[in-house]
Amino acid sequence: MRSSVPAAESIPSGDTYGALIFDWDGTLVDSRDLNHRALEAALRDCGVVLDPGWYWHRQGIASPDMLVEWEETIAPLPEPIDTIIDRCRRYVVAGAATLKVIEVVALVAAGHINEVSRSRSAPTVPRSPSTPV
C-alpha cells in the first residue's frame, strides 16, 4: 500500500538516524538494462545466446546464481561461471555512464548529506594528502 504522505514529508530528520546505507543497483540507479546487456555480452563472448525472456523472468537473481540455474536447467556453460561473471562486471563498469539516477532516492541521499554537514555532531573523516577535497 502506498502512503498518501509525500515522500519528502515522510523522511525522518537527521536527528532520528545516524546514517543511510544505499545499495546502488536498483536503488540509486536504474541498472536493469545495463545488467542485462552486460550478461548478454559476456555470454555471447563465449558463444552462448541469452534468451531475453529467460533473463527477465530471473532478473532479481544475482548473475552467478542465474548462471548456476542455467547450468542446472539448460546446459553446461563453455567457460567457468567466475570467468563469465568477471567479464560481465567489466561490461557493467564500461557501461556505467549510461546508468540513470533514480532522482527521488538521490534527493533523499543529498538531503541527508546536507543535514549531516550542518549538524554540529557530524562525524569527520580524516583526510590524507591523497584524499580529494
C-alpha atoms as a PDB file:
ATOM      1  CA  MET A   1       0.000   0.000   0.000  1.00  0.00           C
ATOM      2  CA  ARG A   2       1.371   3.399  -0.962  1.00  0.00           C
ATOM      3  CA  SER A   3       1.443   6.200   1.555  1.00  0.00           C
ATOM      4  CA  SER A   4      -0.536   9.337   0.776  1.00  0.00           C
ATOM      5  CA  VAL A   5       2.148  11.396   2.540  1.00  0.00           C
ATOM      6  CA  PRO A   6       4.598  12.988   0.101  1.00  0.00           C
ATOM      7  CA  ALA A   7       7.998  11.322   0.258  1.00  0.00           C
ATOM      8  CA  ALA A   8       9.749  14.494   1.424  1.00  0.00           C
ATOM      9  CA  GLU A   9       7.381  14.743   4.403  1.00  0.00           C
ATOM     10  CA  SER A  10       7.739  11.097   5.381  1.00  0.00           C
ATOM     11  CA  ILE A  11      11.539  11.163   5.612  1.00  0.00           C
ATOM     12  CA  PRO A  12      12.698  11.334   9.241  1.00  0.00           C
ATOM     13  CA  SER A  13      15.010  14.144  10.255  1.00  0.00           C
ATOM     14  CA  GLY A  14      18.721  13.526  10.683  1.00  0.00           C
ATOM     15  CA  ASP A  15      18.163  13.519  14.439  1.00  0.00           C
ATOM     16  CA  THR A  16      16.461  10.124  14.217  1.00  0.00           C
ATOM     17  CA  TYR A  17      19.219   8.226  12.454  1.00  0.00           C
ATOM     18  CA  GLY A  18      22.967   8.419  12.164  1.00  0.00           C
ATOM     19  CA  ALA A  19      23.488   7.153   8.641  1.00  0.00           C
ATOM     20  CA  LEU A  20      21.827   5.973   5.474  1.00  0.00           C
ATOM     21  CA  ILE A  21      23.104   2.974   3.575  1.00  0.00           C
ATOM     22  CA  PHE A  22      22.207   2.657  -0.085  1.00  0.00           C
ATOM     23  CA  ASP A  23      22.515  -0.242  -2.449  1.00  0.00           C
ATOM     24  CA  TRP A  24      23.277   1.395  -5.786  1.00  0.00           C
ATOM     25  CA  ASP A  25      21.957  -1.381  -8.007  1.00  0.00           C
ATOM     26  CA  GLY A  26      18.283  -0.611  -8.499  1.00  0.00           C
ATOM     27  CA  THR A  27      18.223   1.806  -5.581  1.00  0.00           C
ATOM     28  CA  LEU A  28      20.313   4.812  -6.566  1.00  0.00           C
ATOM     29  CA  VAL A  29      20.449   3.980 -10.245  1.00  0.00           C
ATOM     30  CA  ASP A  30      18.254   2.035 -12.633  1.00  0.00           C
ATOM     31  CA  SER A  31      20.705  -0.635 -13.705  1.00  0.00           C
ATOM     32  CA  ARG A  32      18.349  -3.292 -15.058  1.00  0.00           C
ATOM     33  CA  ASP A  33      19.074  -2.754 -18.758  1.00  0.00           C
ATOM     34  CA  LEU A  34      22.828  -2.422 -18.216  1.00  0.00           C
ATOM     35  CA  ASN A  35      22.939  -5.643 -16.187  1.00  0.00           C
ATOM     36  CA  HIS A  36      21.029  -7.447 -18.946  1.00  0.00           C
ATOM     37  CA  ARG A  37      23.264  -6.095 -21.714  1.00  0.00           C
ATOM     38  CA  ALA A  38      26.419  -6.940 -19.728  1.00  0.00           C
ATOM     39  CA  LEU A  39      25.437 -10.544 -19.062  1.00  0.00           C
ATOM     40  CA  GLU A  40      24.203 -10.938 -22.618  1.00  0.00           C
ATOM     41  CA  ALA A  41      27.564  -9.693 -23.955  1.00  0.00           C
ATOM     42  CA  ALA A  42      29.597 -11.815 -21.519  1.00  0.00           C
ATOM     43  CA  LEU A  43      27.714 -14.925 -22.601  1.00  0.00           C
ATOM     44  CA  ARG A  44      27.866 -14.013 -26.296  1.00  0.00           C
ATOM     45  CA  ASP A  45      31.680 -13.780 -25.951  1.00  0.00           C
ATOM     46  CA  CYS A  46      31.739 -17.496 -25.149  1.00  0.00           C
ATOM     47  CA  GLY A  47      29.171 -18.459 -27.795  1.00  0.00           C
ATOM     48  CA  VAL A  48      26.028 -18.571 -25.634  1.00  0.00           C
ATOM     49  CA  VAL A  49      22.828 -16.763 -26.648  1.00  0.00           C
ATOM     50  CA  LEU A  50      20.916 -15.335 -23.685  1.00  0.00           C
ATOM     51  CA  ASP A  51      17.166 -15.554 -24.210  1.00  0.00           C
ATOM     52  CA  PRO A  52      15.748 -12.193 -23.001  1.00  0.00           C
ATOM     53  CA  GLY A  53      12.569 -13.849 -21.687  1.00  0.00           C
ATOM     54  CA  TRP A  54      14.588 -16.318 -19.634  1.00  0.00           C
ATOM     55  CA  TYR A  55      16.735 -13.487 -18.233  1.00  0.00           C
ATOM     56  CA  TRP A  56      13.907 -11.083 -17.371  1.00  0.00           C
ATOM     57  CA  HIS A  57      11.973 -13.836 -15.618  1.00  0.00           C
ATOM     58  CA  ARG A  58      15.011 -14.170 -13.290  1.00  0.00           C
ATOM     59  CA  GLN A  59      16.078 -10.529 -13.247  1.00  0.00           C
ATOM     60  CA  GLY A  60      16.123 -10.234  -9.426  1.00  0.00           C
ATOM     61  CA  ILE A  61      18.530 -13.139  -9.039  1.00  0.00           C
ATOM     62  CA  ALA A  62      22.255 -12.435  -8.746  1.00  0.00           C
ATOM     63  CA  SER A  63      24.037 -13.190 -12.017  1.00  0.00           C
ATOM     64  CA  PRO A  64      26.215 -16.008 -10.583  1.00  0.00           C
ATOM     65  CA  ASP A  65      23.109 -17.730  -9.192  1.00  0.00           C
ATOM     66  CA  MET A  66      21.364 -17.208 -12.509  1.00  0.00           C
ATOM     67  CA  LEU A  67      24.224 -18.946 -14.310  1.00  0.00           C
ATOM     68  CA  VAL A  68      24.131 -21.843 -11.832  1.00  0.00           C
ATOM     69  CA  GLU A  69      20.436 -22.207 -12.669  1.00  0.00           C
ATOM     70  CA  TRP A  70      21.335 -22.076 -16.384  1.00  0.00           C
ATOM     71  CA  GLU A  71      23.736 -24.971 -15.973  1.00  0.00           C
ATOM     72  CA  GLU A  72      21.221 -26.949 -13.894  1.00  0.00           C
ATOM     73  CA  THR A  73      18.280 -26.467 -16.247  1.00  0.00           C
ATOM     74  CA  ILE A  74      19.580 -25.659 -19.738  1.00  0.00           C
ATOM     75  CA  ALA A  75      23.143 -26.770 -20.439  1.00  0.00           C
ATOM     76  CA  PRO A  76      26.692 -26.553 -19.136  1.00  0.00           C
ATOM     77  CA  LEU A  77      28.395 -23.262 -19.922  1.00  0.00           C
ATOM     78  CA  PRO A  78      31.548 -23.390 -22.081  1.00  0.00           C
ATOM     79  CA  GLU A  79      33.531 -21.360 -19.504  1.00  0.00           C
ATOM     80  CA  PRO A  80      33.603 -21.310 -15.704  1.00  0.00           C
ATOM     81  CA  ILE A  81      30.890 -19.125 -14.166  1.00  0.00           C
ATOM     82  CA  ASP A  82      33.518 -16.965 -12.428  1.00  0.00           C
ATOM     83  CA  THR A  83      35.133 -16.174 -15.789  1.00  0.00           C
ATOM     84  CA  ILE A  84      31.795 -15.155 -17.306  1.00  0.00           C
ATOM     85  CA  ILE A  85      30.904 -13.051 -14.249  1.00  0.00           C
ATOM     86  CA  ASP A  86      34.284 -11.271 -14.308  1.00  0.00           C
ATOM     87  CA  ARG A  87      33.702 -10.384 -17.956  1.00  0.00           C
ATOM     88  CA  CYS A  88      30.122  -9.310 -17.153  1.00  0.00           C
ATOM     89  CA  ARG A  89      31.406  -6.966 -14.424  1.00  0.00           C
ATOM     90  CA  ARG A  90      33.821  -5.381 -16.883  1.00  0.00           C
ATOM     91  CA  TYR A  91      30.889  -4.720 -19.229  1.00  0.00           C
ATOM     92  CA  VAL A  92      28.928  -3.161 -16.347  1.00  0.00           C
ATOM     93  CA  VAL A  93      31.828  -0.869 -15.455  1.00  0.00           C
ATOM     94  CA  ALA A  94      32.301   0.074 -19.108  1.00  0.00           C
ATOM     95  CA  GLY A  95      28.612   0.971 -19.400  1.00  0.00           C
ATOM     96  CA  ALA A  96      28.258   2.741 -16.048  1.00  0.00           C
ATOM     97  CA  ALA A  97      27.996   6.145 -17.724  1.00  0.00           C
ATOM     98  CA  THR A  98      24.679   5.055 -19.254  1.00  0.00           C
ATOM     99  CA  LEU A  99      23.034   4.482 -15.860  1.00  0.00           C
ATOM    100  CA  LYS A 100      20.073   6.655 -14.931  1.00  0.00           C
ATOM    101  CA  VAL A 101      19.933   8.076 -11.412  1.00  0.00           C
ATOM    102  CA  ILE A 102      16.695   7.421  -9.529  1.00  0.00           C
ATOM    103  CA  GLU A 103      16.059  11.057  -8.653  1.00  0.00           C
ATOM    104  CA  VAL A 104      13.844  10.616  -5.581  1.00  0.00           C
ATOM    105  CA  VAL A 105      16.412   8.436  -3.839  1.00  0.00           C
ATOM    106  CA  ALA A 106      19.249  10.742  -4.862  1.00  0.00           C
ATOM    107  CA  LEU A 107      17.361  13.681  -3.359  1.00  0.00           C
ATOM    108  CA  VAL A 108      16.910  11.784  -0.089  1.00  0.00           C
ATOM    109  CA  ALA A 109      20.614  10.951  -0.002  1.00  0.00           C
ATOM    110  CA  ALA A 110      21.605  14.535  -0.857  1.00  0.00           C
ATOM    111  CA  GLY A 111      19.246  15.895   1.799  1.00  0.00           C
ATOM    112  CA  HIS A 112      20.773  13.615   4.400  1.00  0.00           C
ATOM    113  CA  ILE A 113      24.301  14.621   3.417  1.00  0.00           C
ATOM    114  CA  ASN A 114      23.374  18.308   3.656  1.00  0.00           C
ATOM    115  CA  GLU A 115      21.685  17.764   7.014  1.00  0.00           C
ATOM    116  CA  VAL A 116      24.673  15.914   8.452  1.00  0.00           C
ATOM    117  CA  SER A 117      27.081  18.563   7.189  1.00  0.00           C
ATOM    118  CA  ARG A 118      25.057  21.233   9.026  1.00  0.00           C
ATOM    119  CA  SER A 119      24.968  19.239  12.240  1.00  0.00           C
ATOM    120  CA  ARG A 120      27.446  20.153  14.975  1.00  0.00           C
ATOM    121  CA  SER A 121      27.927  16.499  15.790  1.00  0.00           C
ATOM    122  CA  ALA A 122      28.595  15.460  12.220  1.00  0.00           C
ATOM    123  CA  PRO A 123      31.337  12.865  12.055  1.00  0.00           C
ATOM    124  CA  THR A 124      34.532  13.983  10.423  1.00  0.00           C
ATOM    125  CA  VAL A 125      36.615  11.904   8.080  1.00  0.00           C
ATOM    126  CA  PRO A 126      40.368  12.297   8.419  1.00  0.00           C
ATOM    127  CA  ARG A 127      41.872  13.314   5.123  1.00  0.00           C
ATOM    128  CA  SER A 128      45.184  12.103   3.851  1.00  0.00           C
ATOM    129  CA  PRO A 129      47.195  14.138   1.353  1.00  0.00           C
ATOM    130  CA  SER A 130      45.823  11.899  -1.405  1.00  0.00           C
ATOM    131  CA  THR A 131      42.159  12.312  -0.368  1.00  0.00           C
ATOM    132  CA  PRO A 132      40.329  14.694  -2.711  1.00  0.00           C
ATOM    133  CA  VAL A 133      38.573  17.601  -1.074  1.00  0.00           C
END
